[in-house]
Amino acid sequence: MPDRSPLFSPLPELRRRCRRLARAAKDYTLDGHRLTIHDIRIHQKREGKATLEHVHSFYEGHVLLSGVGRYAMGEPQTLRPGGALLHGPHTPHAWAASDVSCVRLLVWFGLEPTIPAPRPAAWPEWPDLLWDLSLLFADAAATAPGWQTRVTARLSVVFSRLLTIINWPSTPQPVREPQPHLVTMVDQFLQDNLARPLTLDDIADHVSISQRTLCRQFQHRTGATVMERLETLRMDRAAALLAETEATLKEIAEAIGMTDASYFCRRFRQHYHVTPNTYRQDVGARARREERTTTV
């Protein structure tokens, strides 16, 4: 039987159309919930390549456009074009291409109030959704008046299908959230995954740009490199754990993605110019002085 799946544009063109979609996309109110679109992207995975297990603070929907993919958490499942996944906030997940490269559509969005998104027994495959997506991408390339209205309507179809994967109750109207930009997306990803051994490749893959572009744009906007920012966030988290918990140095090191407590102590001292133990003692001493002052 001949392949009747829709044909999509080459990858660079698909990415341009997704950027246009993301700029034109509007928020939705669905059954009393506010759905806020953060980003719409195209990701490609070369054969045999996998993403690091990670989490997000938002919902992430996937639709496989071409190739063969493999959901790599729990019971593995092979997905073909039309395969769809939906991960809720703070849900660990990972993905890999099988013996051929695959191309996915990713939609990142928020729901308020949030709804649990447990993994189903099997992820659905909707080959018919590919036709809706092919029409969506075609409208994203249009220039005639009214194209934004058409893509908004077609996106509502995509979100409606993805949300059927989870239990969808009716709840009150939520508060609108702003759309994040590159620095916000990187910062949120770093915060959500501090305990994981992140690399530049992991971070660039998350925001779907090259390492070189990521480093250039992030440093231009913040004055710091991505890895400097990661180190700062890790040290901030470590300082908070030292001040607020009785966790051991080894436990704190693991909580910020450093398996070696000695290495953590060296990095902490370079950052704060005191050892972790001295920092904890100083914080405790200050707290006791403040308590005595308040009592008096």
Protein backbone atom coordinates (compact mmCIF):
# COMPACT_ATOMS: atom_id res chain seq x y z
CA MET A 1 0.00 0.00 0.00
CA PRO A 2 1.45 3.42 -0.90
CA ASP A 3 2.39 5.84 1.86
CA ARG A 4 -0.53 8.26 2.25
CA SER A 5 0.95 10.34 5.07
CA PRO A 6 1.16 14.09 4.36
CA LEU A 7 4.42 15.57 3.13
CA PHE A 8 6.02 18.28 5.26
CA SER A 9 8.38 21.03 4.18
CA PRO A 10 12.16 20.69 4.70
CA LEU A 11 13.29 21.13 8.29
CA PRO A 12 14.59 24.76 8.04
CA GLU A 13 11.27 25.86 6.52
CA LEU A 14 9.25 23.98 9.15
CA ARG A 15 11.21 25.74 11.87
CA ARG A 16 10.58 29.16 10.29
CA ARG A 17 6.86 28.39 10.15
CA CYS A 18 6.85 27.28 13.79
CA ARG A 19 8.49 30.53 14.84
CA ARG A 20 5.77 32.38 12.97
CA LEU A 21 3.12 30.23 14.63
CA ALA A 22 4.55 30.96 18.07
CA ARG A 23 4.43 34.71 17.40
CA ALA A 24 0.85 34.56 16.12
CA ALA A 25 -0.50 32.08 18.68
CA LYS A 26 -3.10 33.32 21.13
CA ASP A 27 -4.07 32.07 24.55
CA TYR A 28 -7.17 29.94 24.92
CA THR A 29 -9.88 29.45 27.50
CA LEU A 30 -10.89 25.79 27.55
CA ASP A 31 -13.67 24.69 29.90
CA GLY A 32 -12.72 27.31 32.47
CA HIS A 33 -8.95 26.80 32.14
CA ARG A 34 -6.50 29.34 30.76
CA LEU A 35 -4.10 27.73 28.28
CA THR A 36 -1.05 29.94 27.76
CA ILE A 37 1.21 29.06 24.84
CA HIS A 38 4.90 29.40 25.71
CA ASP A 39 6.48 28.16 22.49
CA ILE A 40 6.01 25.97 19.41
CA ARG A 41 9.11 24.23 18.05
CA ILE A 42 10.42 21.56 15.74
CA HIS A 43 12.98 19.12 17.14
CA GLN A 44 15.00 16.61 15.16
CA LYS A 45 16.74 13.60 16.67
CA ARG A 46 19.35 11.72 14.68
CA GLU A 47 19.12 7.94 14.64
CA GLY A 48 20.03 6.41 17.97
CA LYS A 49 20.27 9.79 19.74
CA ALA A 50 18.39 10.41 22.99
CA THR A 51 17.44 13.34 25.21
CA LEU A 52 18.56 13.52 28.80
CA GLU A 53 15.88 12.59 31.32
CA HIS A 54 14.52 15.97 32.41
CA VAL A 55 11.48 17.89 33.67
CA HIS A 56 9.71 21.19 32.92
CA SER A 57 7.58 23.56 34.96
CA PHE A 58 5.01 23.59 32.14
CA TYR A 59 3.18 21.10 29.92
CA GLU A 60 4.95 19.66 26.90
CA GLY A 61 3.03 18.07 24.03
CA HIS A 62 4.74 16.06 21.27
CA VAL A 63 3.51 14.91 17.88
CA LEU A 64 5.89 12.79 15.80
CA LEU A 65 5.91 14.09 12.22
CA SER A 66 8.33 11.64 10.62
CA GLY A 67 10.68 8.80 11.46
CA VAL A 68 10.48 6.37 14.35
CA GLY A 69 10.81 7.41 17.99
CA ARG A 70 10.94 5.63 21.30
CA TYR A 71 9.54 6.82 24.59
CA ALA A 72 12.32 5.93 26.99
CA MET A 73 10.65 6.06 30.43
CA GLY A 74 9.02 3.12 32.16
CA GLU A 75 7.79 0.56 29.66
CA PRO A 76 9.40 1.62 26.32
CA GLN A 77 7.00 2.33 23.47
CA THR A 78 7.84 2.79 19.82
CA LEU A 79 5.98 5.62 18.10
CA ARG A 80 5.49 6.34 14.43
CA PRO A 81 4.20 9.43 12.61
CA GLY A 82 1.10 10.69 14.38
CA GLY A 83 2.29 9.37 17.76
CA ALA A 84 1.41 11.86 20.49
CA LEU A 85 2.65 12.44 24.05
CA LEU A 86 1.74 14.92 26.77
CA HIS A 87 3.86 15.51 29.87
CA GLY A 88 2.68 17.55 32.81
CA PRO A 89 4.79 19.94 34.92
CA HIS A 90 7.65 18.33 36.89
CA THR A 91 7.12 14.94 35.21
CA PRO A 92 10.45 13.23 34.32
CA HIS A 93 10.59 12.13 30.70
CA ALA A 94 13.07 11.17 28.01
CA TRP A 95 12.91 10.49 24.30
CA ALA A 96 15.08 8.76 21.72
CA ALA A 97 15.17 8.19 17.98
CA SER A 98 15.20 4.55 16.91
CA ASP A 99 17.13 3.28 13.91
CA VAL A 100 16.07 6.27 11.78
CA SER A 101 16.05 9.98 12.60
CA CYS A 102 12.76 11.51 13.67
CA VAL A 103 11.17 14.96 13.59
CA ARG A 104 8.77 16.11 16.31
CA LEU A 105 6.47 19.05 16.82
CA LEU A 106 6.72 20.34 20.40
CA VAL A 107 4.20 22.67 22.02
CA TRP A 108 5.03 24.13 25.43
CA PHE A 109 2.13 25.62 27.34
CA GLY A 110 0.73 26.37 30.76
CA LEU A 111 -2.65 25.47 32.22
CA GLU A 112 -4.12 27.31 35.14
CA PRO A 113 -5.43 25.75 37.25
CA THR A 114 -3.13 22.81 36.50
CA ILE A 115 -4.43 19.31 35.79
CA PRO A 116 -2.56 16.08 36.58
CA ALA A 117 -1.20 14.39 33.46
CA PRO A 118 -0.40 10.76 34.36
CA ARG A 119 1.18 8.62 31.70
CA PRO A 120 -1.46 6.51 29.91
CA ALA A 121 -1.10 2.76 29.46
CA ALA A 122 -0.05 3.48 25.86
CA TRP A 123 0.57 6.74 24.04
CA PRO A 124 -1.95 7.28 21.23
CA GLU A 125 -1.11 7.36 17.52
CA TRP A 126 -3.25 9.68 15.39
CA PRO A 127 -2.12 9.59 11.74
CA ASP A 128 -5.13 11.78 10.86
CA LEU A 129 -3.70 14.56 13.07
CA LEU A 130 -0.82 14.87 10.59
CA TRP A 131 -3.25 16.26 8.01
CA ASP A 132 -4.40 18.93 10.45
CA LEU A 133 -0.75 19.79 11.11
CA SER A 134 0.07 19.97 7.41
CA LEU A 135 -2.78 22.49 6.98
CA LEU A 136 -1.56 24.39 10.04
CA PHE A 137 1.95 24.69 8.59
CA ALA A 138 0.51 25.75 5.23
CA ASP A 139 -1.47 28.54 6.91
CA ALA A 140 1.66 29.58 8.82
CA ALA A 141 3.33 30.27 5.46
CA ALA A 142 0.40 32.33 4.15
CA THR A 143 0.52 36.10 3.79
CA ALA A 144 -3.12 36.87 2.94
CA PRO A 145 -5.19 38.68 5.57
CA GLY A 146 -6.80 36.37 8.11
CA TRP A 147 -4.01 33.80 8.32
CA GLN A 148 -3.58 34.42 12.06
CA THR A 149 -7.25 33.59 12.64
CA ARG A 150 -6.89 30.34 10.68
CA VAL A 151 -3.80 29.19 12.55
CA THR A 152 -5.46 30.01 15.88
CA ALA A 153 -8.40 27.78 14.93
CA ARG A 154 -6.13 24.97 13.72
CA LEU A 155 -3.99 25.16 16.86
CA SER A 156 -7.11 24.73 18.96
CA VAL A 157 -7.62 21.39 17.18
CA VAL A 158 -4.08 20.29 18.07
CA PHE A 159 -4.42 21.28 21.74
CA SER A 160 -7.86 19.70 22.00
CA ARG A 161 -6.47 16.39 20.74
CA LEU A 162 -3.47 16.48 23.06
CA LEU A 163 -5.61 17.29 26.09
CA THR A 164 -7.78 14.23 25.50
CA ILE A 165 -4.78 12.22 26.75
CA ILE A 166 -5.40 13.49 30.31
CA ASN A 167 -8.43 13.64 32.59
CA TRP A 168 -10.02 17.01 31.80
CA PRO A 169 -12.24 18.37 34.60
CA SER A 170 -14.00 21.72 34.65
CA THR A 171 -12.43 24.35 36.94
CA PRO A 172 -12.57 28.15 37.41
CA GLN A 173 -11.01 30.76 35.12
CA PRO A 174 -7.24 31.09 35.68
CA VAL A 175 -4.82 34.01 35.57
CA ARG A 176 -2.98 34.80 32.35
CA GLU A 177 0.79 34.32 32.30
CA PRO A 178 3.36 36.14 30.15
CA GLN A 179 5.19 34.33 27.34
CA PRO A 180 8.80 33.61 28.30
CA HIS A 181 11.87 34.41 26.17
CA LEU A 182 15.18 32.59 25.78
CA VAL A 183 16.75 33.63 29.10
CA THR A 184 13.57 32.77 31.01
CA MET A 185 13.29 29.37 29.29
CA VAL A 186 16.94 28.54 29.99
CA ASP A 187 16.71 29.71 33.61
CA GLN A 188 13.56 27.69 34.22
CA PHE A 189 15.09 24.57 32.68
CA LEU A 190 18.20 24.97 34.83
CA GLN A 191 16.12 25.49 37.98
CA ASP A 192 13.97 22.46 37.21
CA ASN A 193 16.97 20.20 36.58
CA LEU A 194 19.67 21.39 39.01
CA ALA A 195 20.07 17.88 40.42
CA ARG A 196 20.89 16.47 36.98
CA PRO A 197 24.36 16.48 35.35
CA LEU A 198 23.47 19.06 32.70
CA THR A 199 25.68 19.79 29.70
CA LEU A 200 25.54 22.59 27.16
CA ASP A 201 24.25 20.07 24.65
CA ASP A 202 21.31 19.20 26.94
CA ILE A 203 20.42 22.87 27.39
CA ALA A 204 20.78 23.76 23.70
CA ASP A 205 18.64 20.75 22.79
CA HIS A 206 15.92 21.93 25.15
CA VAL A 207 15.66 25.36 23.50
CA SER A 208 16.21 23.88 20.02
CA ILE A 209 19.19 26.01 18.99
CA SER A 210 22.86 25.27 18.47
CA GLN A 211 25.29 25.46 21.39
CA ARG A 212 27.09 28.34 19.71
CA THR A 213 23.90 30.36 19.25
CA LEU A 214 22.76 29.58 22.79
CA CYS A 215 26.06 30.72 24.30
CA ARG A 216 26.21 33.88 22.20
CA GLN A 217 22.61 34.98 22.80
CA PHE A 218 22.55 34.11 26.50
CA GLN A 219 25.80 35.94 27.27
CA HIS A 220 24.72 38.93 25.17
CA ARG A 221 21.46 39.23 27.16
CA THR A 222 22.79 38.45 30.64
CA GLY A 223 26.52 39.17 30.65
CA ALA A 224 27.17 35.63 31.95
CA THR A 225 27.76 32.32 30.21
CA VAL A 226 25.16 29.56 30.48
CA MET A 227 27.45 27.44 32.64
CA GLU A 228 28.24 30.41 34.90
CA ARG A 229 24.51 30.87 35.36
CA LEU A 230 24.11 27.16 36.15
CA GLU A 231 26.89 27.41 38.75
CA THR A 232 25.26 30.48 40.35
CA LEU A 233 21.89 28.74 40.59
CA ARG A 234 23.52 25.65 42.08
CA MET A 235 25.40 27.67 44.68
CA ASP A 236 22.25 29.66 45.54
CA ARG A 237 20.37 26.38 46.06
CA ALA A 238 23.24 24.97 48.13
CA ALA A 239 23.33 28.07 50.33
CA ALA A 240 19.59 27.80 50.93
CA LEU A 241 19.89 24.12 51.86
CA LEU A 242 22.75 24.87 54.24
CA ALA A 243 20.75 27.62 55.92
CA GLU A 244 17.35 25.92 56.03
CA THR A 245 18.02 22.19 56.42
CA GLU A 246 20.21 19.74 58.29
CA ALA A 247 21.19 17.95 55.07
CA THR A 248 24.74 16.60 54.89
CA LEU A 249 27.26 18.04 52.46
CA LYS A 250 26.97 14.88 50.36
CA GLU A 251 23.17 15.22 50.22
CA ILE A 252 23.44 18.89 49.25
CA ALA A 253 26.02 18.10 46.57
CA GLU A 254 23.70 15.48 45.06
CA ALA A 255 20.74 17.90 45.23
CA ILE A 256 22.60 20.34 42.97
CA GLY A 257 23.95 17.80 40.49
CA MET A 258 27.42 17.25 42.00
CA THR A 259 28.10 13.67 43.07
CA ASP A 260 31.46 14.51 44.68
CA ALA A 261 31.10 16.33 48.03
CA SER A 262 34.75 17.43 47.99
CA TYR A 263 34.32 19.06 44.58
CA PHE A 264 31.15 20.75 45.84
CA CYS A 265 33.03 22.15 48.85
CA ARG A 266 35.76 23.57 46.59
CA ARG A 267 33.25 25.22 44.25
CA PHE A 268 31.23 26.61 47.16
CA ARG A 269 34.34 28.13 48.75
CA GLN A 270 35.38 29.70 45.43
CA HIS A 271 31.89 31.18 45.06
CA TYR A 272 31.24 32.41 48.64
CA HIS A 273 34.84 32.61 49.96
CA VAL A 274 33.92 30.45 52.97
CA THR A 275 33.51 26.72 53.41
CA PRO A 276 29.99 25.25 53.49
CA ASN A 277 30.34 24.39 57.20
CA THR A 278 31.49 27.92 58.06
CA TYR A 279 28.60 29.36 56.03
CA ARG A 280 26.12 27.17 57.92
CA GLN A 281 27.63 28.17 61.29
CA ASP A 282 27.56 31.88 60.37
CA VAL A 283 23.93 31.70 59.28
CA GLY A 284 23.04 29.93 62.53
CA ALA A 285 24.90 32.51 64.60
CA ARG A 286 23.12 35.38 62.84
CA ALA A 287 19.75 33.70 63.39
CA ARG A 288 20.47 33.31 67.12
CA ARG A 289 21.53 36.97 67.44
CA GLU A 290 18.36 38.10 65.67
CA GLU A 291 16.27 35.86 67.94
CA ARG A 292 17.87 37.36 71.06
CA THR A 293 17.34 40.88 69.73
CA THR A 294 13.68 40.16 69.02
CA THR A 295 13.20 38.63 72.48
CA VAL A 296 14.72 41.65 74.20
